[in-house]
PDB file of all heavy atoms in Angstrom:
ATOM      1  N   LEU A   1     -43.638 -80.870   1.946  1.00  0.00           N
ATOM      2  CA  LEU A   1     -44.930 -80.155   1.704  1.00  0.00           C
ATOM      3  C   LEU A   1     -45.366 -79.328   2.848  1.00  0.00           C
ATOM      4  O   LEU A   1     -45.915 -78.159   2.679  1.00  0.00           O
ATOM      5  CB  LEU A   1     -45.948 -81.144   1.292  1.00  0.00           C
ATOM      6  CG  LEU A   1     -45.706 -81.858   0.030  1.00  0.00           C
ATOM      7  CD1 LEU A   1     -46.666 -83.116  -0.172  1.00  0.00           C
ATOM      8  CD2 LEU A   1     -45.927 -80.943  -1.212  1.00  0.00           C
ATOM      9  N   ARG A   2     -45.162 -79.799   4.082  1.00  0.00           N
ATOM     10  CA  ARG A   2     -45.491 -79.093   5.247  1.00  0.00           C
ATOM     11  C   ARG A   2     -44.660 -77.804   5.443  1.00  0.00           C
ATOM     12  O   ARG A   2     -45.207 -76.731   5.848  1.00  0.00           O
ATOM     13  CB  ARG A   2     -45.370 -79.885   6.502  1.00  0.00           C
ATOM     14  CG  ARG A   2     -45.780 -79.294   7.807  1.00  0.00           C
ATOM     15  CD  ARG A   2     -45.226 -80.142   8.974  1.00  0.00           C
ATOM     16  NE  ARG A   2     -43.716 -80.096   8.931  1.00  0.00           N
ATOM     17  CZ  ARG A   2     -42.981 -80.916   9.814  1.00  0.00           C
ATOM     18  NH1 ARG A   2     -43.534 -81.729  10.670  1.00  0.00           N
ATOM     19  NH2 ARG A   2     -41.736 -80.791   9.728  1.00  0.00           N
ATOM     20  N   ASP A   3     -43.375 -77.877   5.064  1.00  0.00           N
ATOM     21  CA  ASP A   3     -42.494 -76.781   5.481  1.00  0.00           C
ATOM     22  C   ASP A   3     -42.160 -75.907   4.249  1.00  0.00           C
ATOM     23  O   ASP A   3     -41.075 -75.298   4.225  1.00  0.00           O
ATOM     24  CB  ASP A   3     -41.174 -77.373   5.904  1.00  0.00           C
ATOM     25  CG  ASP A   3     -41.420 -78.112   7.314  1.00  0.00           C
ATOM     26  OD1 ASP A   3     -42.385 -77.852   7.960  1.00  0.00           O
ATOM     27  OD2 ASP A   3     -40.584 -79.057   7.522  1.00  0.00           O
ATOM     28  N   LEU A   4     -42.943 -75.790   3.253  1.00  0.00           N
ATOM     29  CA  LEU A   4     -42.701 -74.950   2.100  1.00  0.00           C
ATOM     30  C   LEU A   4     -42.282 -73.522   2.418  1.00  0.00           C
ATOM     31  O   LEU A   4     -41.235 -73.036   1.939  1.00  0.00           O
ATOM     32  CB  LEU A   4     -43.919 -74.933   1.108  1.00  0.00           C
ATOM     33  CG  LEU A   4     -44.281 -76.199   0.385  1.00  0.00           C
ATOM     34  CD1 LEU A   4     -45.556 -75.976  -0.402  1.00  0.00           C
ATOM     35  CD2 LEU A   4     -43.210 -76.523  -0.659  1.00  0.00           C
ATOM     36  N   ASP A   5     -43.042 -72.918   3.278  1.00  0.00           N
ATOM     37  CA  ASP A   5     -42.703 -71.487   3.623  1.00  0.00           C
ATOM     38  C   ASP A   5     -41.566 -71.374   4.569  1.00  0.00           C
ATOM     39  O   ASP A   5     -40.672 -70.442   4.398  1.00  0.00           O
ATOM     40  CB  ASP A   5     -44.045 -70.866   4.196  1.00  0.00           C
ATOM     41  CG  ASP A   5     -45.186 -70.778   3.214  1.00  0.00           C
ATOM     42  OD1 ASP A   5     -44.989 -70.181   2.168  1.00  0.00           O
ATOM     43  OD2 ASP A   5     -46.259 -71.413   3.514  1.00  0.00           O
ATOM     44  N   GLU A   6     -41.418 -72.265   5.409  1.00  0.00           N
ATOM     45  CA  GLU A   6     -40.289 -72.258   6.416  1.00  0.00           C
ATOM     46  C   GLU A   6     -38.951 -72.416   5.563  1.00  0.00           C
ATOM     47  O   GLU A   6     -38.012 -71.783   5.782  1.00  0.00           O
ATOM     48  CB  GLU A   6     -40.477 -73.369   7.442  1.00  0.00           C
ATOM     49  CG  GLU A   6     -39.317 -73.333   8.500  1.00  0.00           C
ATOM     50  CD  GLU A   6     -39.588 -74.466   9.569  1.00  0.00           C
ATOM     51  OE1 GLU A   6     -40.821 -74.720   9.835  1.00  0.00           O
ATOM     52  OE2 GLU A   6     -38.630 -74.985  10.016  1.00  0.00           O
ATOM     53  N   ASP A   7     -38.953 -73.367   4.597  1.00  0.00           N
ATOM     54  CA  ASP A   7     -37.769 -73.599   3.863  1.00  0.00           C
ATOM     55  C   ASP A   7     -37.467 -72.455   2.970  1.00  0.00           C
ATOM     56  O   ASP A   7     -36.291 -72.060   2.715  1.00  0.00           O
ATOM     57  CB  ASP A   7     -37.987 -74.960   3.019  1.00  0.00           C
ATOM     58  CG  ASP A   7     -38.020 -76.138   3.823  1.00  0.00           C
ATOM     59  OD1 ASP A   7     -37.323 -76.149   4.849  1.00  0.00           O
ATOM     60  OD2 ASP A   7     -38.611 -77.163   3.419  1.00  0.00           O
ATOM     61  N   ALA A   8     -38.498 -71.825   2.368  1.00  0.00           N
ATOM     62  CA  ALA A   8     -38.357 -70.661   1.580  1.00  0.00           C
ATOM     63  C   ALA A   8     -37.584 -69.512   2.320  1.00  0.00           C
ATOM     64  O   ALA A   8     -36.829 -68.807   1.660  1.00  0.00           O
ATOM     65  CB  ALA A   8     -39.692 -70.174   1.089  1.00  0.00           C
ATOM     66  N   LYS A   9     -37.812 -69.330   3.547  1.00  0.00           N
ATOM     67  CA  LYS A   9     -37.084 -68.370   4.357  1.00  0.00           C
ATOM     68  C   LYS A   9     -35.617 -68.608   4.464  1.00  0.00           C
ATOM     69  O   LYS A   9     -34.791 -67.725   4.669  1.00  0.00           O
ATOM     70  CB  LYS A   9     -37.689 -68.268   5.743  1.00  0.00           C
ATOM     71  CG  LYS A   9     -39.106 -67.730   5.835  1.00  0.00           C
ATOM     72  CD  LYS A   9     -39.696 -67.793   7.217  1.00  0.00           C
ATOM     73  CE  LYS A   9     -41.131 -67.261   7.322  1.00  0.00           C
ATOM     74  NZ  LYS A   9     -41.696 -67.362   8.624  1.00  0.00           N
ATOM     75  N   ARG A  10     -35.252 -69.820   4.232  1.00  0.00           N
ATOM     76  CA  ARG A  10     -33.837 -70.207   4.219  1.00  0.00           C
ATOM     77  C   ARG A  10     -33.267 -70.257   2.755  1.00  0.00           C
ATOM     78  O   ARG A  10     -32.091 -70.753   2.557  1.00  0.00           O
ATOM     79  CB  ARG A  10     -33.546 -71.638   4.815  1.00  0.00           C
ATOM     80  CG  ARG A  10     -33.958 -71.697   6.314  1.00  0.00           C
ATOM     81  CD  ARG A  10     -33.345 -72.990   6.941  1.00  0.00           C
ATOM     82  NE  ARG A  10     -33.467 -72.992   8.318  1.00  0.00           N
ATOM     83  CZ  ARG A  10     -34.427 -73.585   9.023  1.00  0.00           C
ATOM     84  NH1 ARG A  10     -35.357 -74.241   8.447  1.00  0.00           N
ATOM     85  NH2 ARG A  10     -34.439 -73.557  10.354  1.00  0.00           N
ATOM     86  N   GLY A  11     -34.093 -69.923   1.822  1.00  0.00           N
ATOM     87  CA  GLY A  11     -33.712 -69.921   0.452  1.00  0.00           C
ATOM     88  C   GLY A  11     -33.763 -71.190  -0.245  1.00  0.00           C
ATOM     89  O   GLY A  11     -33.048 -71.506  -1.229  1.00  0.00           O
ATOM     90  N   ARG A  12     -34.576 -72.186   0.298  1.00  0.00           N
ATOM     91  CA  ARG A  12     -34.678 -73.492  -0.207  1.00  0.00           C
ATOM     92  C   ARG A  12     -36.088 -73.810  -0.810  1.00  0.00           C
ATOM     93  O   ARG A  12     -37.088 -73.343  -0.286  1.00  0.00           O
ATOM     94  CB  ARG A  12     -34.326 -74.505   0.887  1.00  0.00           C
ATOM     95  CG  ARG A  12     -32.922 -74.407   1.412  1.00  0.00           C
ATOM     96  CD  ARG A  12     -32.840 -75.241   2.669  1.00  0.00           C
ATOM     97  NE  ARG A  12     -31.429 -75.067   3.333  1.00  0.00           N
ATOM     98  CZ  ARG A  12     -31.179 -75.478   4.524  1.00  0.00           C
ATOM     99  NH1 ARG A  12     -32.051 -76.128   5.300  1.00  0.00           N
ATOM    100  NH2 ARG A  12     -29.931 -75.279   5.028  1.00  0.00           N
ATOM    101  N   LEU A  13     -36.119 -74.589  -1.818  1.00  0.00           N
ATOM    102  CA  LEU A  13     -37.289 -75.011  -2.467  1.00  0.00           C
ATOM    103  C   LEU A  13     -36.994 -76.401  -2.974  1.00  0.00           C
ATOM    104  O   LEU A  13     -36.280 -76.620  -3.913  1.00  0.00           O
ATOM    105  CB  LEU A  13     -37.672 -74.114  -3.709  1.00  0.00           C
ATOM    106  CG  LEU A  13     -38.852 -74.580  -4.468  1.00  0.00           C
ATOM    107  CD1 LEU A  13     -40.157 -74.439  -3.642  1.00  0.00           C
ATOM    108  CD2 LEU A  13     -39.063 -73.776  -5.765  1.00  0.00           C
ATOM    109  N   TYR A  14     -37.706 -77.339  -2.229  1.00  0.00           N
ATOM    110  CA  TYR A  14     -37.416 -78.802  -2.573  1.00  0.00           C
ATOM    111  C   TYR A  14     -38.329 -79.405  -3.624  1.00  0.00           C
ATOM    112  O   TYR A  14     -38.066 -80.494  -4.050  1.00  0.00           O
ATOM    113  CB  TYR A  14     -37.558 -79.570  -1.217  1.00  0.00           C
ATOM    114  CG  TYR A  14     -36.474 -79.272  -0.190  1.00  0.00           C
ATOM    115  CD1 TYR A  14     -36.785 -78.496   0.870  1.00  0.00           C
ATOM    116  CD2 TYR A  14     -35.177 -79.780  -0.265  1.00  0.00           C
ATOM    117  CE1 TYR A  14     -35.857 -78.118   1.807  1.00  0.00           C
ATOM    118  CE2 TYR A  14     -34.233 -79.488   0.629  1.00  0.00           C
ATOM    119  CZ  TYR A  14     -34.550 -78.702   1.725  1.00  0.00           C
ATOM    120  OH  TYR A  14     -33.642 -78.367   2.687  1.00  0.00           O
ATOM    121  N   LEU A  15     -39.332 -78.729  -4.062  1.00  0.00           N
ATOM    122  CA  LEU A  15     -40.212 -79.271  -5.060  1.00  0.00           C
ATOM    123  C   LEU A  15     -39.409 -79.518  -6.367  1.00  0.00           C
ATOM    124  O   LEU A  15     -38.740 -78.583  -6.865  1.00  0.00           O
ATOM    125  CB  LEU A  15     -41.350 -78.248  -5.400  1.00  0.00           C
ATOM    126  CG  LEU A  15     -42.336 -77.912  -4.142  1.00  0.00           C
ATOM    127  CD1 LEU A  15     -43.356 -77.006  -4.707  1.00  0.00           C
ATOM    128  CD2 LEU A  15     -42.896 -79.184  -3.642  1.00  0.00           C
ATOM    129  N   PRO A  16     -39.511 -80.731  -6.938  1.00  0.00           N
ATOM    130  CA  PRO A  16     -38.639 -80.993  -8.084  1.00  0.00           C
ATOM    131  C   PRO A  16     -39.052 -80.100  -9.302  1.00  0.00           C
ATOM    132  O   PRO A  16     -40.279 -79.810  -9.521  1.00  0.00           O
ATOM    133  CB  PRO A  16     -39.062 -82.395  -8.411  1.00  0.00           C
ATOM    134  CG  PRO A  16     -39.562 -83.013  -7.056  1.00  0.00           C
ATOM    135  CD  PRO A  16     -40.217 -81.905  -6.431  1.00  0.00           C
ATOM    136  N   LYS A  17     -38.118 -79.774 -10.066  1.00  0.00           N
ATOM    137  CA  LYS A  17     -38.324 -78.905 -11.184  1.00  0.00           C
ATOM    138  C   LYS A  17     -39.308 -79.576 -12.244  1.00  0.00           C
ATOM    139  O   LYS A  17     -40.058 -78.871 -12.913  1.00  0.00           O
ATOM    140  CB  LYS A  17     -37.014 -78.544 -11.885  1.00  0.00           C
ATOM    141  CG  LYS A  17     -36.282 -79.685 -12.552  1.00  0.00           C
ATOM    142  CD  LYS A  17     -34.986 -79.181 -13.122  1.00  0.00           C
ATOM    143  CE  LYS A  17     -34.184 -80.221 -13.814  1.00  0.00           C
ATOM    144  NZ  LYS A  17     -32.954 -79.720 -14.442  1.00  0.00           N
ATOM    145  N   GLU A  18     -39.249 -80.910 -12.300  1.00  0.00           N
ATOM    146  CA  GLU A  18     -40.222 -81.514 -13.256  1.00  0.00           C
ATOM    147  C   GLU A  18     -41.676 -81.377 -12.772  1.00  0.00           C
ATOM    148  O   GLU A  18     -42.581 -81.210 -13.546  1.00  0.00           O
ATOM    149  CB  GLU A  18     -39.957 -83.032 -13.379  1.00  0.00           C
ATOM    150  CG  GLU A  18     -38.602 -83.347 -13.969  1.00  0.00           C
ATOM    151  CD  GLU A  18     -37.458 -83.467 -13.040  1.00  0.00           C
ATOM    152  OE1 GLU A  18     -37.582 -82.899 -11.918  1.00  0.00           O
ATOM    153  OE2 GLU A  18     -36.460 -84.036 -13.427  1.00  0.00           O
ATOM    154  N   ALA A  19     -41.912 -81.358 -11.434  1.00  0.00           N
ATOM    155  CA  ALA A  19     -43.296 -81.100 -10.955  1.00  0.00           C
ATOM    156  C   ALA A  19     -43.692 -79.728 -11.241  1.00  0.00           C
ATOM    157  O   ALA A  19     -44.892 -79.450 -11.520  1.00  0.00           O
ATOM    158  CB  ALA A  19     -43.317 -81.401  -9.463  1.00  0.00           C
ATOM    159  N   LEU A  20     -42.759 -78.743 -11.069  1.00  0.00           N
ATOM    160  CA  LEU A  20     -43.137 -77.332 -11.332  1.00  0.00           C
ATOM    161  C   LEU A  20     -43.480 -77.151 -12.816  1.00  0.00           C
ATOM    162  O   LEU A  20     -44.449 -76.560 -13.225  1.00  0.00           O
ATOM    163  CB  LEU A  20     -41.970 -76.445 -10.949  1.00  0.00           C
ATOM    164  CG  LEU A  20     -41.651 -76.350  -9.441  1.00  0.00           C
ATOM    165  CD1 LEU A  20     -40.421 -75.618  -9.153  1.00  0.00           C
ATOM    166  CD2 LEU A  20     -42.849 -75.810  -8.633  1.00  0.00           C
ATOM    167  N   ALA A  21     -42.561 -77.714 -13.694  1.00  0.00           N
ATOM    168  CA  ALA A  21     -42.785 -77.660 -15.173  1.00  0.00           C
ATOM    169  C   ALA A  21     -44.104 -78.221 -15.536  1.00  0.00           C
ATOM    170  O   ALA A  21     -44.789 -77.704 -16.395  1.00  0.00           O
ATOM    171  CB  ALA A  21     -41.584 -78.223 -15.855  1.00  0.00           C
ATOM    172  N   GLY A  22     -44.460 -79.413 -14.936  1.00  0.00           N
ATOM    173  CA  GLY A  22     -45.714 -80.043 -15.250  1.00  0.00           C
ATOM    174  C   GLY A  22     -46.929 -79.172 -14.951  1.00  0.00           C
ATOM    175  O   GLY A  22     -47.881 -79.353 -15.536  1.00  0.00           O
ATOM    176  N   ALA A  23     -46.652 -78.241 -13.980  1.00  0.00           N
ATOM    177  CA  ALA A  23     -47.789 -77.336 -13.586  1.00  0.00           C
ATOM    178  C   ALA A  23     -47.681 -75.997 -14.310  1.00  0.00           C
ATOM    179  O   ALA A  23     -48.476 -75.125 -14.084  1.00  0.00           O
ATOM    180  CB  ALA A  23     -47.734 -77.158 -12.046  1.00  0.00           C
ATOM    181  N   GLY A  24     -46.717 -75.944 -15.235  1.00  0.00           N
ATOM    182  CA  GLY A  24     -46.513 -74.630 -15.939  1.00  0.00           C
ATOM    183  C   GLY A  24     -45.932 -73.508 -15.041  1.00  0.00           C
ATOM    184  O   GLY A  24     -46.247 -72.332 -15.347  1.00  0.00           O
TER     185      GLY A  24
END
């Protein structure tokens, strides 16, 4: 959660797809 933007620069997104889908 802390490193969302830093990971994005490396092309990574660790948030689970179920959590994203649950938020639409």
